[in-house]
Every structure is written in C-alpha cells, then in structure tokens.
Amino acid sequence: MLKQVPLFSGLDDQQIGELEAICHERAIPKSSIVFSEGDESDCLYVIRRGKAYALRIDETGRQFVINRFGPLDCFGEMGFFDGNARCATVMTKERCDLLILPRPAFMGLASRNPEILWGLNRFLLNKLRVATEQIDALVFTDVYSRLARFLMEHQDEDHVINEKFTQQELADSVGASRETVNRIVNDLMAGEYIAKEGSRIKIQKKLPYKY
C-alpha cells in the first residue's frame, strides 16, 4: 500500500517492505481529533480509507482549514521530520483507517538507507510551494476570489462538487466568516452561476471574474 503513497513512490520493494513492517494501524471515528496543535510529534500518518483536514485556530477561536486529506495522503510530516511540536490540528471528516509510521523506527531505517531522504525532500518542497500559494491567496485575493478558486478546484468533469461542504466548512477553507460565504453563495445561486443538487453544488456557467 505504501508504494502508492506519493511520499514513498520512489522507494524499491525492499525499502517499502521494511517501512510496512514498522507501521501499525489505527481506526479513528468521524469528527475526532487525531492530534492537536502543540502536541508532541512522534509519528507520520497515512490514510488508507477516509477523509481528514488540518486546521489552525486563532486567538478568537476562528478556524481556518489549511489542508484536506484523502486516501493515500499523509499528514504530520513537518513535526515528524524536524521533531518539533505539531503546527496544526487534524480532525477526521469521516471515519479514517490510518497507517502510523513511528518516528524512531523510521529514522533508524533512514540512517541505513539515506537515499530514502531524497524523495522525502522533494515531497516537502512541493508542500512548501503549496503553502506559499495559500499565503499568496490570503494576502492578495479577496474572499470571493478564494471561494471561486476553491469551488473550481473541487469540481469534477461534470462541474459538480461532489464532496459535501457546509457553509462553515467553506468559510473555514477560504479564511472568511460563514455569513460572508453564505451571502456570496446565495448571490451566485441567484445569478444561476451555481445550483444546489441535493447536498452537492454544481457550477452551471463560468463564474464571474469579480464579485
């Protein structure tokens, strides 16, 4: 299974086998905290089944979703590699079956197979680029632009956003209040740019450049 995970795709079968031998599995119920910001970092998580998301909470209690995870995604890699405390909280969106890779055992394996670290460096650099793009979006674009981009990035070939998002989840994902996102969504529906199909959203025509 680890061979399908982008983080480990460059490893050979023997290295994958050694990794899988030091992992253990854990099932986490829906809407549960996997770890909290500030917790000790002692392992890396890989999702076998389910969905989860990483969030930050400011001093007022407002949440901002900084990443979402599905099958074959991994999370917790920052603290896993540098040994510092967790920099975000991760919660399950639905029940998750996780594969857990302990840090001490992995570091022992990496010391014997240093080529493993090259692939991990590429993975971390890609994550850094994504984080930089998120920061740019928050600094240089307004709420509507962030919401429009979010919707377009999550649509399928039929222009349907299949994943269920509440108004609060949309707001947390674009760094805005629920009231602001609700107003924009309602205006886009009134203009027939988007439509609700049950619990899903469909983009019916190209979203306007500005709101």
C-alpha atoms as a PDB file:
ATOM      1  CA  MET A   1       0.000   0.000   0.000  1.00  0.00           C
ATOM      2  CA  LEU A   2       2.843   2.440   0.813  1.00  0.00           C
ATOM      3  CA  LYS A   3       4.155   2.089  -2.739  1.00  0.00           C
ATOM      4  CA  GLN A   4       1.047   4.008  -3.890  1.00  0.00           C
ATOM      5  CA  VAL A   5       1.708   6.891  -1.493  1.00  0.00           C
ATOM      6  CA  PRO A   6       3.449   9.770  -3.338  1.00  0.00           C
ATOM      7  CA  LEU A   7       5.810  10.322  -0.422  1.00  0.00           C
ATOM      8  CA  PHE A   8       7.233   6.805  -0.808  1.00  0.00           C
ATOM      9  CA  SER A   9       6.730   6.147  -4.530  1.00  0.00           C
ATOM     10  CA  GLY A  10      10.463   6.321  -5.268  1.00  0.00           C
ATOM     11  CA  LEU A  11      11.402   3.512  -2.868  1.00  0.00           C
ATOM     12  CA  ASP A  12      12.126  -0.023  -4.014  1.00  0.00           C
ATOM     13  CA  ASP A  13      10.170  -3.086  -2.879  1.00  0.00           C
ATOM     14  CA  GLN A  14      12.627  -3.993  -0.138  1.00  0.00           C
ATOM     15  CA  GLN A  15      12.508  -0.498   1.372  1.00  0.00           C
ATOM     16  CA  ILE A  16       8.707  -0.460   1.157  1.00  0.00           C
ATOM     17  CA  GLY A  17       8.610  -3.814   2.919  1.00  0.00           C
ATOM     18  CA  GLU A  18      10.824  -2.516   5.708  1.00  0.00           C
ATOM     19  CA  LEU A  19       8.608   0.539   6.120  1.00  0.00           C
ATOM     20  CA  GLU A  20       5.418  -1.502   6.254  1.00  0.00           C
ATOM     21  CA  ALA A  21       6.987  -3.776   8.859  1.00  0.00           C
ATOM     22  CA  ILE A  22       7.399  -0.893  11.327  1.00  0.00           C
ATOM     23  CA  CYS A  23       3.916   0.580  10.780  1.00  0.00           C
ATOM     24  CA  HIS A  24       0.777  -0.119  12.747  1.00  0.00           C
ATOM     25  CA  GLU A  25      -2.892   0.600  12.005  1.00  0.00           C
ATOM     26  CA  ARG A  26      -5.473   2.651  13.850  1.00  0.00           C
ATOM     27  CA  ALA A  27      -9.137   3.471  13.195  1.00  0.00           C
ATOM     28  CA  ILE A  28     -10.356   6.970  14.133  1.00  0.00           C
ATOM     29  CA  PRO A  29     -14.101   7.775  14.325  1.00  0.00           C
ATOM     30  CA  LYS A  30     -15.728  10.609  12.384  1.00  0.00           C
ATOM     31  CA  SER A  31     -15.261  14.155  13.750  1.00  0.00           C
ATOM     32  CA  SER A  32     -12.398  13.110  16.044  1.00  0.00           C
ATOM     33  CA  ILE A  33      -9.125  14.910  16.714  1.00  0.00           C
ATOM     34  CA  VAL A  34      -6.138  12.886  15.524  1.00  0.00           C
ATOM     35  CA  PHE A  35      -3.711  15.325  17.149  1.00  0.00           C
ATOM     36  CA  SER A  36      -3.794  18.942  18.273  1.00  0.00           C
ATOM     37  CA  GLU A  37      -1.571  21.902  17.546  1.00  0.00           C
ATOM     38  CA  GLY A  38       1.272  21.850  20.069  1.00  0.00           C
ATOM     39  CA  ASP A  39       1.232  18.070  20.598  1.00  0.00           C
ATOM     40  CA  GLU A  40       4.452  16.091  20.533  1.00  0.00           C
ATOM     41  CA  SER A  41       5.418  14.856  17.055  1.00  0.00           C
ATOM     42  CA  ASP A  42       6.337  11.189  17.200  1.00  0.00           C
ATOM     43  CA  CYS A  43       4.789   9.634  14.084  1.00  0.00           C
ATOM     44  CA  LEU A  44       3.610  10.133  10.497  1.00  0.00           C
ATOM     45  CA  TYR A  45       0.082   9.225   9.379  1.00  0.00           C
ATOM     46  CA  VAL A  46      -1.055   7.746   6.062  1.00  0.00           C
ATOM     47  CA  ILE A  47      -4.775   7.477   5.250  1.00  0.00           C
ATOM     48  CA  ARG A  48      -5.881   4.071   3.986  1.00  0.00           C
ATOM     49  CA  ARG A  49      -9.575   4.990   3.947  1.00  0.00           C
ATOM     50  CA  GLY A  50     -11.495   8.113   4.905  1.00  0.00           C
ATOM     51  CA  LYS A  51     -11.010  11.895   4.878  1.00  0.00           C
ATOM     52  CA  ALA A  52      -9.480  14.376   7.294  1.00  0.00           C
ATOM     53  CA  TYR A  53      -8.445  18.022   7.372  1.00  0.00           C
ATOM     54  CA  ALA A  54      -5.791  20.178   9.044  1.00  0.00           C
ATOM     55  CA  LEU A  55      -6.796  23.455  10.641  1.00  0.00           C
ATOM     56  CA  ARG A  56      -5.403  26.359  12.606  1.00  0.00           C
ATOM     57  CA  ILE A  57      -7.358  28.222  15.275  1.00  0.00           C
ATOM     58  CA  ASP A  58      -6.682  31.885  16.058  1.00  0.00           C
ATOM     59  CA  GLU A  59      -6.963  33.630  19.423  1.00  0.00           C
ATOM     60  CA  THR A  60     -10.653  34.435  18.787  1.00  0.00           C
ATOM     61  CA  GLY A  61     -11.483  30.781  18.147  1.00  0.00           C
ATOM     62  CA  ARG A  62     -11.939  31.192  14.393  1.00  0.00           C
ATOM     63  CA  GLN A  63     -10.833  28.187  12.366  1.00  0.00           C
ATOM     64  CA  PHE A  64      -9.026  28.095   9.044  1.00  0.00           C
ATOM     65  CA  VAL A  65      -8.651  24.855   7.102  1.00  0.00           C
ATOM     66  CA  ILE A  66      -5.120  24.719   5.688  1.00  0.00           C
ATOM     67  CA  ASN A  67      -5.230  21.279   4.078  1.00  0.00           C
ATOM     68  CA  ARG A  68      -7.508  18.348   3.286  1.00  0.00           C
ATOM     69  CA  PHE A  69      -6.541  14.690   3.110  1.00  0.00           C
ATOM     70  CA  GLY A  70      -7.981  11.581   1.471  1.00  0.00           C
ATOM     71  CA  PRO A  71      -6.873   8.001   0.757  1.00  0.00           C
ATOM     72  CA  LEU A  72      -3.105   7.626   0.209  1.00  0.00           C
ATOM     73  CA  ASP A  73      -2.408  11.129   1.558  1.00  0.00           C
ATOM     74  CA  CYS A  74      -0.069  11.523   4.508  1.00  0.00           C
ATOM     75  CA  PHE A  75      -0.006  14.184   7.197  1.00  0.00           C
ATOM     76  CA  GLY A  76       2.057  15.161  10.213  1.00  0.00           C
ATOM     77  CA  GLU A  77       5.284  15.193   8.201  1.00  0.00           C
ATOM     78  CA  MET A  78       6.568  18.584   9.412  1.00  0.00           C
ATOM     79  CA  GLY A  79       6.921  17.679  13.074  1.00  0.00           C
ATOM     80  CA  PHE A  80       7.776  14.123  12.110  1.00  0.00           C
ATOM     81  CA  PHE A  81      10.956  15.246  10.383  1.00  0.00           C
ATOM     82  CA  ASP A  82      12.072  18.202  12.496  1.00  0.00           C
ATOM     83  CA  GLY A  83      10.980  16.821  15.872  1.00  0.00           C
ATOM     84  CA  ASN A  84       9.109  19.995  16.848  1.00  0.00           C
ATOM     85  CA  ALA A  85       5.539  20.173  18.141  1.00  0.00           C
ATOM     86  CA  ARG A  86       2.573  19.801  15.793  1.00  0.00           C
ATOM     87  CA  CYS A  87       1.901  23.060  13.934  1.00  0.00           C
ATOM     88  CA  ALA A  88      -1.806  22.349  13.242  1.00  0.00           C
ATOM     89  CA  THR A  89      -4.755  20.312  14.485  1.00  0.00           C
ATOM     90  CA  VAL A  90      -6.000  17.415  12.347  1.00  0.00           C
ATOM     91  CA  MET A  91      -9.611  16.216  12.544  1.00  0.00           C
ATOM     92  CA  THR A  92     -11.406  13.431  10.721  1.00  0.00           C
ATOM     93  CA  LYS A  93     -14.218  14.405   8.344  1.00  0.00           C
ATOM     94  CA  GLU A  94     -15.344  10.785   8.279  1.00  0.00           C
ATOM     95  CA  ARG A  95     -14.096   7.554   9.844  1.00  0.00           C
ATOM     96  CA  CYS A  96     -10.428   7.101   8.954  1.00  0.00           C
ATOM     97  CA  ASP A  97      -8.313   3.967   8.806  1.00  0.00           C
ATOM     98  CA  LEU A  98      -4.759   5.158   9.321  1.00  0.00           C
ATOM     99  CA  LEU A  99      -1.338   3.637   8.875  1.00  0.00           C
ATOM    100  CA  ILE A 100       1.028   5.051  11.504  1.00  0.00           C
ATOM    101  CA  LEU A 101       4.782   5.259  10.989  1.00  0.00           C
ATOM    102  CA  PRO A 102       6.734   5.785  14.255  1.00  0.00           C
ATOM    103  CA  ARG A 103       9.499   8.391  14.053  1.00  0.00           C
ATOM    104  CA  PRO A 104      12.297   6.496  15.908  1.00  0.00           C
ATOM    105  CA  ALA A 105      11.880   3.369  13.780  1.00  0.00           C
ATOM    106  CA  PHE A 106      11.779   5.408  10.572  1.00  0.00           C
ATOM    107  CA  MET A 107      14.900   7.386  11.460  1.00  0.00           C
ATOM    108  CA  GLY A 108      16.719   4.134  12.112  1.00  0.00           C
ATOM    109  CA  LEU A 109      15.677   2.839   8.700  1.00  0.00           C
ATOM    110  CA  ALA A 110      16.668   6.113   7.001  1.00  0.00           C
ATOM    111  CA  SER A 111      20.107   6.039   8.602  1.00  0.00           C
ATOM    112  CA  ARG A 112      20.698   2.664   6.933  1.00  0.00           C
ATOM    113  CA  ASN A 113      19.114   3.778   3.639  1.00  0.00           C
ATOM    114  CA  PRO A 114      19.919   7.517   3.258  1.00  0.00           C
ATOM    115  CA  GLU A 115      18.584   7.570  -0.315  1.00  0.00           C
ATOM    116  CA  ILE A 116      15.091   7.452   1.230  1.00  0.00           C
ATOM    117  CA  LEU A 117      15.532  11.061   2.320  1.00  0.00           C
ATOM    118  CA  TRP A 118      15.927  12.395  -1.248  1.00  0.00           C
ATOM    119  CA  GLY A 119      12.349  11.521  -2.142  1.00  0.00           C
ATOM    120  CA  LEU A 120      11.123  12.983   1.121  1.00  0.00           C
ATOM    121  CA  ASN A 121      12.925  16.245   0.397  1.00  0.00           C
ATOM    122  CA  ARG A 122      11.107  16.553  -2.952  1.00  0.00           C
ATOM    123  CA  PHE A 123       7.804  15.883  -1.236  1.00  0.00           C
ATOM    124  CA  LEU A 124       8.406  18.523   1.426  1.00  0.00           C
ATOM    125  CA  LEU A 125       9.476  21.121  -1.135  1.00  0.00           C
ATOM    126  CA  ASN A 126       6.254  20.560  -3.046  1.00  0.00           C
ATOM    127  CA  LYS A 127       4.274  21.038   0.180  1.00  0.00           C
ATOM    128  CA  LEU A 128       6.168  24.286   0.760  1.00  0.00           C
ATOM    129  CA  ARG A 129       5.201  25.552  -2.695  1.00  0.00           C
ATOM    130  CA  VAL A 130       1.533  24.787  -1.990  1.00  0.00           C
ATOM    131  CA  ALA A 131       1.740  26.593   1.359  1.00  0.00           C
ATOM    132  CA  THR A 132       3.288  29.621  -0.359  1.00  0.00           C
ATOM    133  CA  GLU A 133       0.404  29.708  -2.850  1.00  0.00           C
ATOM    134  CA  GLN A 134      -2.074  29.600   0.042  1.00  0.00           C
ATOM    135  CA  ILE A 135      -0.369  32.539   1.727  1.00  0.00           C
ATOM    136  CA  ASP A 136      -0.411  34.496  -1.551  1.00  0.00           C
ATOM    137  CA  ALA A 137      -4.123  33.808  -1.924  1.00  0.00           C
ATOM    138  CA  LEU A 138      -4.891  35.074   1.581  1.00  0.00           C
ATOM    139  CA  VAL A 139      -2.779  38.193   1.189  1.00  0.00           C
ATOM    140  CA  PHE A 140      -3.516  39.213  -2.399  1.00  0.00           C
ATOM    141  CA  THR A 141      -7.060  37.985  -3.152  1.00  0.00           C
ATOM    142  CA  ASP A 142     -10.475  38.738  -1.684  1.00  0.00           C
ATOM    143  CA  VAL A 143     -12.952  36.263  -0.195  1.00  0.00           C
ATOM    144  CA  TYR A 144     -14.916  35.848  -3.427  1.00  0.00           C
ATOM    145  CA  SER A 145     -11.787  35.036  -5.444  1.00  0.00           C
ATOM    146  CA  ARG A 146     -10.699  32.453  -2.861  1.00  0.00           C
ATOM    147  CA  LEU A 147     -14.146  30.863  -2.794  1.00  0.00           C
ATOM    148  CA  ALA A 148     -14.404  30.758  -6.599  1.00  0.00           C
ATOM    149  CA  ARG A 149     -10.991  29.132  -6.827  1.00  0.00           C
ATOM    150  CA  PHE A 150     -11.927  26.602  -4.150  1.00  0.00           C
ATOM    151  CA  LEU A 151     -15.104  25.610  -5.980  1.00  0.00           C
ATOM    152  CA  MET A 152     -13.346  25.280  -9.324  1.00  0.00           C
ATOM    153  CA  GLU A 153     -10.535  23.199  -7.828  1.00  0.00           C
ATOM    154  CA  HIS A 154     -13.030  20.755  -6.300  1.00  0.00           C
ATOM    155  CA  GLN A 155     -15.328  20.286  -9.309  1.00  0.00           C
ATOM    156  CA  ASP A 156     -15.313  17.101 -11.373  1.00  0.00           C
ATOM    157  CA  GLU A 157     -15.545  16.787 -15.165  1.00  0.00           C
ATOM    158  CA  ASP A 158     -19.299  17.461 -14.930  1.00  0.00           C
ATOM    159  CA  HIS A 159     -18.640  20.657 -12.939  1.00  0.00           C
ATOM    160  CA  VAL A 160     -20.073  19.120  -9.767  1.00  0.00           C
ATOM    161  CA  ILE A 161     -18.505  19.477  -6.324  1.00  0.00           C
ATOM    162  CA  ASN A 162     -19.289  16.004  -5.010  1.00  0.00           C
ATOM    163  CA  GLU A 163     -17.855  16.395  -1.551  1.00  0.00           C
ATOM    164  CA  LYS A 164     -20.341  17.740   0.971  1.00  0.00           C
ATOM    165  CA  PHE A 165     -19.309  21.082   2.426  1.00  0.00           C
ATOM    166  CA  THR A 166     -21.328  23.017   4.977  1.00  0.00           C
ATOM    167  CA  GLN A 167     -21.282  26.808   4.786  1.00  0.00           C
ATOM    168  CA  GLN A 168     -18.993  26.808   7.835  1.00  0.00           C
ATOM    169  CA  GLU A 169     -16.596  24.348   6.185  1.00  0.00           C
ATOM    170  CA  LEU A 170     -16.458  26.540   3.076  1.00  0.00           C
ATOM    171  CA  ALA A 171     -15.793  29.582   5.254  1.00  0.00           C
ATOM    172  CA  ASP A 172     -13.030  27.778   7.166  1.00  0.00           C
ATOM    173  CA  SER A 173     -11.458  26.728   3.870  1.00  0.00           C
ATOM    174  CA  VAL A 174     -11.180  30.250   2.456  1.00  0.00           C
ATOM    175  CA  GLY A 175     -10.439  32.163   5.647  1.00  0.00           C
ATOM    176  CA  ALA A 176     -13.734  34.032   5.907  1.00  0.00           C
ATOM    177  CA  SER A 177     -16.831  34.269   8.075  1.00  0.00           C
ATOM    178  CA  ARG A 178     -19.774  31.951   7.449  1.00  0.00           C
ATOM    179  CA  GLU A 179     -22.037  34.960   6.893  1.00  0.00           C
ATOM    180  CA  THR A 180     -19.816  36.327   4.105  1.00  0.00           C
ATOM    181  CA  VAL A 181     -19.588  32.965   2.345  1.00  0.00           C
ATOM    182  CA  ASN A 182     -23.328  32.405   2.704  1.00  0.00           C
ATOM    183  CA  ARG A 183     -24.040  35.774   1.049  1.00  0.00           C
ATOM    184  CA  ILE A 184     -21.698  35.051  -1.863  1.00  0.00           C
ATOM    185  CA  VAL A 185     -23.126  31.553  -2.391  1.00  0.00           C
ATOM    186  CA  ASN A 186     -26.685  32.890  -2.370  1.00  0.00           C
ATOM    187  CA  ASP A 187     -25.779  35.609  -4.878  1.00  0.00           C
ATOM    188  CA  LEU A 188     -24.098  33.066  -7.180  1.00  0.00           C
ATOM    189  CA  MET A 189     -27.227  30.901  -6.992  1.00  0.00           C
ATOM    190  CA  ALA A 190     -29.458  33.897  -7.726  1.00  0.00           C
ATOM    191  CA  GLY A 191     -27.322  34.645 -10.791  1.00  0.00           C
ATOM    192  CA  GLU A 192     -27.592  30.965 -11.813  1.00  0.00           C
ATOM    193  CA  TYR A 193     -23.822  30.544 -11.725  1.00  0.00           C
ATOM    194  CA  ILE A 194     -24.164  27.631  -9.307  1.00  0.00           C
ATOM    195  CA  ALA A 195     -27.013  25.395  -8.193  1.00  0.00           C
ATOM    196  CA  LYS A 196     -27.631  23.010  -5.337  1.00  0.00           C
ATOM    197  CA  GLU A 197     -28.231  19.383  -6.324  1.00  0.00           C
ATOM    198  CA  GLY A 198     -29.197  17.774  -3.051  1.00  0.00           C
ATOM    199  CA  SER A 199     -26.142  18.191  -0.834  1.00  0.00           C
ATOM    200  CA  ARG A 200     -23.863  18.915  -3.802  1.00  0.00           C
ATOM    201  CA  ILE A 201     -23.002  22.118  -5.652  1.00  0.00           C
ATOM    202  CA  LYS A 202     -22.904  22.322  -9.447  1.00  0.00           C
ATOM    203  CA  ILE A 203     -21.173  25.097 -11.384  1.00  0.00           C
ATOM    204  CA  GLN A 204     -23.604  25.900 -14.190  1.00  0.00           C
ATOM    205  CA  LYS A 205     -21.565  28.517 -16.049  1.00  0.00           C
ATOM    206  CA  LYS A 206     -18.256  30.295 -15.804  1.00  0.00           C
ATOM    207  CA  LEU A 207     -18.004  32.158 -12.524  1.00  0.00           C
ATOM    208  CA  PRO A 208     -17.691  35.942 -12.791  1.00  0.00           C
ATOM    209  CA  TYR A 209     -14.211  37.404 -12.581  1.00  0.00           C
ATOM    210  CA  LYS A 210     -15.232  39.787  -9.808  1.00  0.00           C
ATOM    211  CA  TYR A 211     -17.994  39.812  -7.214  1.00  0.00           C
END
